[in-house]
Amino acid sequence: MTITVRRALPDDVHGVRYVGTVAWPATYGSDRGAEYVMSGLDEFWSTEAIGSAIQAGNIDVAESTDGIVGMVHVEELGEDLVMWKLYVLPDQQRKGIGRLLVRAAKNRARVEGKGLMTEYEPTNERVRGFYLREGFTATTAPWPETEAVWLRWTDATEQPAG
């Protein structure tokens, strides 16, 4: 199966939302419960939220002949970019799609000359391992009182100053 990663278009809103409505419950349902999942779907995966992020150019999609199978949402936060969402349909995971989407986020950071940050739930060891394999390292959260674990990726091809 060939996967293409590209910037999301307005017509992709339903495909991106589909990824969220399938992947979000699979990711958080057993740890956080139905109320958390439904609240997150309403807030973060609504047509308005996804459509706005697509219009801003902040979402890339992974697409196969079957349609959109994954997505990544990256936007500016101060001097860095933050990867807020990285989701692949559960039946498409462990096929390298997440890695392709992270590569797109890294390329965006590289082009913009910024660092790339992300965060994850402290209990999600699988995601932690994935990000560490992708070259992310622990960093300080951009604001206090967060339970999330924050990570940073810096382009290893950059030459140190001095």
C-alpha atoms as a PDB file:
ATOM      1  CA  MET A   1       0.000   0.000   0.000  1.00  0.00           C
ATOM      2  CA  THR A   2       1.323   3.397  -0.997  1.00  0.00           C
ATOM      3  CA  ILE A   3       0.885   6.246   1.472  1.00  0.00           C
ATOM      4  CA  THR A   4       1.044   9.883   0.442  1.00  0.00           C
ATOM      5  CA  VAL A   5       1.444  12.648   3.017  1.00  0.00           C
ATOM      6  CA  ARG A   6       0.151  16.029   1.964  1.00  0.00           C
ATOM      7  CA  ARG A   7      -1.312  19.223   3.364  1.00  0.00           C
ATOM      8  CA  ALA A   8      -5.005  18.785   4.173  1.00  0.00           C
ATOM      9  CA  LEU A   9      -7.566  20.489   1.941  1.00  0.00           C
ATOM     10  CA  PRO A  10     -10.986  21.821   2.990  1.00  0.00           C
ATOM     11  CA  ASP A  11     -12.655  18.745   1.454  1.00  0.00           C
ATOM     12  CA  ASP A  12     -10.625  16.549   3.848  1.00  0.00           C
ATOM     13  CA  VAL A  13     -12.456  17.716   6.981  1.00  0.00           C
ATOM     14  CA  HIS A  14     -14.645  14.611   7.214  1.00  0.00           C
ATOM     15  CA  GLY A  15     -11.747  12.223   6.581  1.00  0.00           C
ATOM     16  CA  VAL A  16      -9.672  13.919   9.282  1.00  0.00           C
ATOM     17  CA  ARG A  17     -12.617  13.849  11.678  1.00  0.00           C
ATOM     18  CA  TYR A  18     -13.106  10.162  10.926  1.00  0.00           C
ATOM     19  CA  VAL A  19      -9.523   9.451  11.985  1.00  0.00           C
ATOM     20  CA  GLY A  20     -10.193  11.325  15.220  1.00  0.00           C
ATOM     21  CA  THR A  21     -13.515   9.680  15.976  1.00  0.00           C
ATOM     22  CA  VAL A  22     -11.934   6.232  15.557  1.00  0.00           C
ATOM     23  CA  ALA A  23      -8.469   6.834  17.041  1.00  0.00           C
ATOM     24  CA  TRP A  24      -9.372   9.128  19.980  1.00  0.00           C
ATOM     25  CA  PRO A  25     -11.605   6.571  21.777  1.00  0.00           C
ATOM     26  CA  ALA A  26      -9.100   3.780  21.075  1.00  0.00           C
ATOM     27  CA  THR A  27      -6.333   5.945  22.584  1.00  0.00           C
ATOM     28  CA  TYR A  28      -8.097   7.362  25.634  1.00  0.00           C
ATOM     29  CA  GLY A  29     -11.218   5.288  26.277  1.00  0.00           C
ATOM     30  CA  SER A  30      -9.798   2.643  28.584  1.00  0.00           C
ATOM     31  CA  ASP A  31      -7.702   5.086  30.656  1.00  0.00           C
ATOM     32  CA  ARG A  32      -9.883   8.186  30.756  1.00  0.00           C
ATOM     33  CA  GLY A  33     -13.441   6.931  30.228  1.00  0.00           C
ATOM     34  CA  ALA A  34     -16.392   7.778  28.021  1.00  0.00           C
ATOM     35  CA  GLU A  35     -17.016  11.280  29.387  1.00  0.00           C
ATOM     36  CA  TYR A  36     -13.431  12.377  28.645  1.00  0.00           C
ATOM     37  CA  VAL A  37     -13.568  10.831  25.165  1.00  0.00           C
ATOM     38  CA  MET A  38     -16.882  12.443  24.246  1.00  0.00           C
ATOM     39  CA  SER A  39     -15.805  15.828  25.604  1.00  0.00           C
ATOM     40  CA  GLY A  40     -12.558  15.652  23.616  1.00  0.00           C
ATOM     41  CA  LEU A  41     -14.339  14.644  20.431  1.00  0.00           C
ATOM     42  CA  ASP A  42     -16.756  17.555  20.843  1.00  0.00           C
ATOM     43  CA  GLU A  43     -14.000  20.092  21.536  1.00  0.00           C
ATOM     44  CA  PHE A  44     -11.016  18.972  19.475  1.00  0.00           C
ATOM     45  CA  TRP A  45     -12.567  16.999  16.614  1.00  0.00           C
ATOM     46  CA  SER A  46     -15.630  19.096  15.717  1.00  0.00           C
ATOM     47  CA  THR A  47     -16.166  20.140  12.114  1.00  0.00           C
ATOM     48  CA  GLU A  48     -15.417  23.718  13.143  1.00  0.00           C
ATOM     49  CA  ALA A  49     -12.170  22.908  14.991  1.00  0.00           C
ATOM     50  CA  ILE A  50     -10.814  20.658  12.239  1.00  0.00           C
ATOM     51  CA  GLY A  51     -12.010  22.957   9.454  1.00  0.00           C
ATOM     52  CA  SER A  52     -10.322  25.944  11.092  1.00  0.00           C
ATOM     53  CA  ALA A  53      -7.031  24.054  11.510  1.00  0.00           C
ATOM     54  CA  ILE A  54      -7.172  22.927   7.870  1.00  0.00           C
ATOM     55  CA  GLN A  55      -7.866  26.486   6.693  1.00  0.00           C
ATOM     56  CA  ALA A  56      -4.846  27.682   8.695  1.00  0.00           C
ATOM     57  CA  GLY A  57      -2.660  25.078   6.944  1.00  0.00           C
ATOM     58  CA  ASN A  58      -1.940  23.252  10.216  1.00  0.00           C
ATOM     59  CA  ILE A  59      -2.983  19.712   9.272  1.00  0.00           C
ATOM     60  CA  ASP A  60      -1.244  17.170   7.074  1.00  0.00           C
ATOM     61  CA  VAL A  61      -2.898  13.894   6.148  1.00  0.00           C
ATOM     62  CA  ALA A  62      -1.642  10.427   5.268  1.00  0.00           C
ATOM     63  CA  GLU A  63      -3.677   9.039   2.426  1.00  0.00           C
ATOM     64  CA  SER A  64      -3.920   5.649   0.769  1.00  0.00           C
ATOM     65  CA  THR A  65      -6.227   4.394  -1.962  1.00  0.00           C
ATOM     66  CA  ASP A  66      -8.725   3.765   0.864  1.00  0.00           C
ATOM     67  CA  GLY A  67      -8.731   7.455   1.851  1.00  0.00           C
ATOM     68  CA  ILE A  68      -7.266   9.331   4.822  1.00  0.00           C
ATOM     69  CA  VAL A  69      -5.649   6.903   7.267  1.00  0.00           C
ATOM     70  CA  GLY A  70      -3.780   9.336   9.528  1.00  0.00           C
ATOM     71  CA  MET A  71      -3.233  12.991  10.358  1.00  0.00           C
ATOM     72  CA  VAL A  72      -0.916  15.368  12.152  1.00  0.00           C
ATOM     73  CA  HIS A  73      -1.837  18.828  13.468  1.00  0.00           C
ATOM     74  CA  VAL A  74       1.088  21.236  13.944  1.00  0.00           C
ATOM     75  CA  GLU A  75       0.870  24.897  14.867  1.00  0.00           C
ATOM     76  CA  GLU A  76       2.974  27.680  16.310  1.00  0.00           C
ATOM     77  CA  LEU A  77       3.370  28.125  20.042  1.00  0.00           C
ATOM     78  CA  GLY A  78       5.748  30.967  20.755  1.00  0.00           C
ATOM     79  CA  GLU A  79       9.123  30.277  19.175  1.00  0.00           C
ATOM     80  CA  ASP A  80       8.318  26.635  18.452  1.00  0.00           C
ATOM     81  CA  LEU A  81       5.901  24.456  16.586  1.00  0.00           C
ATOM     82  CA  VAL A  82       3.763  22.037  18.568  1.00  0.00           C
ATOM     83  CA  MET A  83       2.474  18.743  17.268  1.00  0.00           C
ATOM     84  CA  TRP A  84      -0.933  18.717  18.980  1.00  0.00           C
ATOM     85  CA  LYS A  85      -2.436  15.727  17.236  1.00  0.00           C
ATOM     86  CA  LEU A  86      -0.829  12.680  15.656  1.00  0.00           C
ATOM     87  CA  TYR A  87      -3.314   9.904  14.977  1.00  0.00           C
ATOM     88  CA  VAL A  88      -3.433   6.904  12.687  1.00  0.00           C
ATOM     89  CA  LEU A  89      -6.443   4.634  12.303  1.00  0.00           C
ATOM     90  CA  PRO A  90      -5.946   1.700  14.694  1.00  0.00           C
ATOM     91  CA  ASP A  91      -6.019  -0.913  11.903  1.00  0.00           C
ATOM     92  CA  GLN A  92      -3.326   1.051  10.031  1.00  0.00           C
ATOM     93  CA  GLN A  93      -0.900   1.442  12.939  1.00  0.00           C
ATOM     94  CA  ARG A  94       2.560  -0.138  12.982  1.00  0.00           C
ATOM     95  CA  LYS A  95       2.915   0.305   9.219  1.00  0.00           C
ATOM     96  CA  GLY A  96       5.158   3.393   9.294  1.00  0.00           C
ATOM     97  CA  ILE A  97       2.355   5.911   8.761  1.00  0.00           C
ATOM     98  CA  GLY A  98       2.980   7.694  12.070  1.00  0.00           C
ATOM     99  CA  ARG A  99       6.653   7.984  11.192  1.00  0.00           C
ATOM    100  CA  LEU A 100       5.751   9.566   7.823  1.00  0.00           C
ATOM    101  CA  LEU A 101       3.494  12.084   9.549  1.00  0.00           C
ATOM    102  CA  VAL A 102       6.176  12.948  12.114  1.00  0.00           C
ATOM    103  CA  ARG A 103       8.620  13.415   9.235  1.00  0.00           C
ATOM    104  CA  ALA A 104       6.202  15.943   7.700  1.00  0.00           C
ATOM    105  CA  ALA A 105       6.041  17.806  11.028  1.00  0.00           C
ATOM    106  CA  LYS A 106       9.839  17.769  11.313  1.00  0.00           C
ATOM    107  CA  ASN A 107      10.172  19.079   7.760  1.00  0.00           C
ATOM    108  CA  ARG A 108       7.784  21.897   8.572  1.00  0.00           C
ATOM    109  CA  ALA A 109       9.857  22.809  11.648  1.00  0.00           C
ATOM    110  CA  ARG A 110      13.071  22.604   9.634  1.00  0.00           C
ATOM    111  CA  VAL A 111      11.723  24.894   6.889  1.00  0.00           C
ATOM    112  CA  GLU A 112      10.476  27.407   9.451  1.00  0.00           C
ATOM    113  CA  GLY A 113      13.714  27.226  11.479  1.00  0.00           C
ATOM    114  CA  LYS A 114      11.854  26.239  14.641  1.00  0.00           C
ATOM    115  CA  GLY A 115      11.964  23.499  17.217  1.00  0.00           C
ATOM    116  CA  LEU A 116       9.167  20.949  17.343  1.00  0.00           C
ATOM    117  CA  MET A 117       7.454  20.040  20.595  1.00  0.00           C
ATOM    118  CA  THR A 118       4.800  17.523  21.505  1.00  0.00           C
ATOM    119  CA  GLU A 119       3.206  16.084  24.604  1.00  0.00           C
ATOM    120  CA  TYR A 120       1.680  12.830  25.729  1.00  0.00           C
ATOM    121  CA  GLU A 121      -0.167  11.299  28.659  1.00  0.00           C
ATOM    122  CA  PRO A 122       2.328   9.986  31.261  1.00  0.00           C
ATOM    123  CA  THR A 123       0.695   6.539  31.259  1.00  0.00           C
ATOM    124  CA  ASN A 124       1.110   6.070  27.499  1.00  0.00           C
ATOM    125  CA  GLU A 125       4.394   4.150  27.354  1.00  0.00           C
ATOM    126  CA  ARG A 126       3.845   3.099  23.740  1.00  0.00           C
ATOM    127  CA  VAL A 127       3.688   6.715  22.572  1.00  0.00           C
ATOM    128  CA  ARG A 128       6.664   7.622  24.762  1.00  0.00           C
ATOM    129  CA  GLY A 129       8.768   4.932  23.091  1.00  0.00           C
ATOM    130  CA  PHE A 130       7.660   6.036  19.628  1.00  0.00           C
ATOM    131  CA  TYR A 131       8.648   9.663  20.234  1.00  0.00           C
ATOM    132  CA  LEU A 132      12.000   8.704  21.752  1.00  0.00           C
ATOM    133  CA  ARG A 133      12.750   6.562  18.680  1.00  0.00           C
ATOM    134  CA  GLU A 134      11.851   9.591  16.561  1.00  0.00           C
ATOM    135  CA  GLY A 135      14.543  11.678  18.272  1.00  0.00           C
ATOM    136  CA  PHE A 136      12.440  13.644  20.748  1.00  0.00           C
ATOM    137  CA  THR A 137      13.885  14.336  24.203  1.00  0.00           C
ATOM    138  CA  ALA A 138      12.300  15.471  27.466  1.00  0.00           C
ATOM    139  CA  THR A 139      11.781  19.202  27.877  1.00  0.00           C
ATOM    140  CA  THR A 140      10.072  21.644  30.200  1.00  0.00           C
ATOM    141  CA  ALA A 141       6.358  22.176  29.635  1.00  0.00           C
ATOM    142  CA  PRO A 142       5.501  25.561  28.109  1.00  0.00           C
ATOM    143  CA  TRP A 143       3.232  26.315  31.072  1.00  0.00           C
ATOM    144  CA  PRO A 144       3.037  25.144  34.680  1.00  0.00           C
ATOM    145  CA  GLU A 145       0.593  22.683  36.194  1.00  0.00           C
ATOM    146  CA  THR A 146       0.272  20.282  33.278  1.00  0.00           C
ATOM    147  CA  GLU A 147       0.106  16.533  33.760  1.00  0.00           C
ATOM    148  CA  ALA A 148       1.356  15.899  30.243  1.00  0.00           C
ATOM    149  CA  VAL A 149       4.946  14.933  29.518  1.00  0.00           C
ATOM    150  CA  TRP A 150       6.545  17.339  27.039  1.00  0.00           C
ATOM    151  CA  LEU A 151       9.185  16.465  24.471  1.00  0.00           C
ATOM    152  CA  ARG A 152      11.259  18.468  21.989  1.00  0.00           C
ATOM    153  CA  TRP A 153      12.838  17.602  18.679  1.00  0.00           C
ATOM    154  CA  THR A 154      15.648  19.723  17.335  1.00  0.00           C
ATOM    155  CA  ASP A 155      16.999  19.291  13.834  1.00  0.00           C
ATOM    156  CA  ALA A 156      20.158  17.200  14.240  1.00  0.00           C
ATOM    157  CA  THR A 157      21.468  18.545  10.924  1.00  0.00           C
ATOM    158  CA  GLU A 158      21.807  22.049  12.422  1.00  0.00           C
ATOM    159  CA  GLN A 159      25.339  23.092  13.222  1.00  0.00           C
ATOM    160  CA  PRO A 160      25.929  24.302  16.791  1.00  0.00           C
ATOM    161  CA  ALA A 161      26.577  28.023  17.121  1.00  0.00           C
ATOM    162  CA  GLY A 162      30.081  29.137  17.742  1.00  0.00           C
END
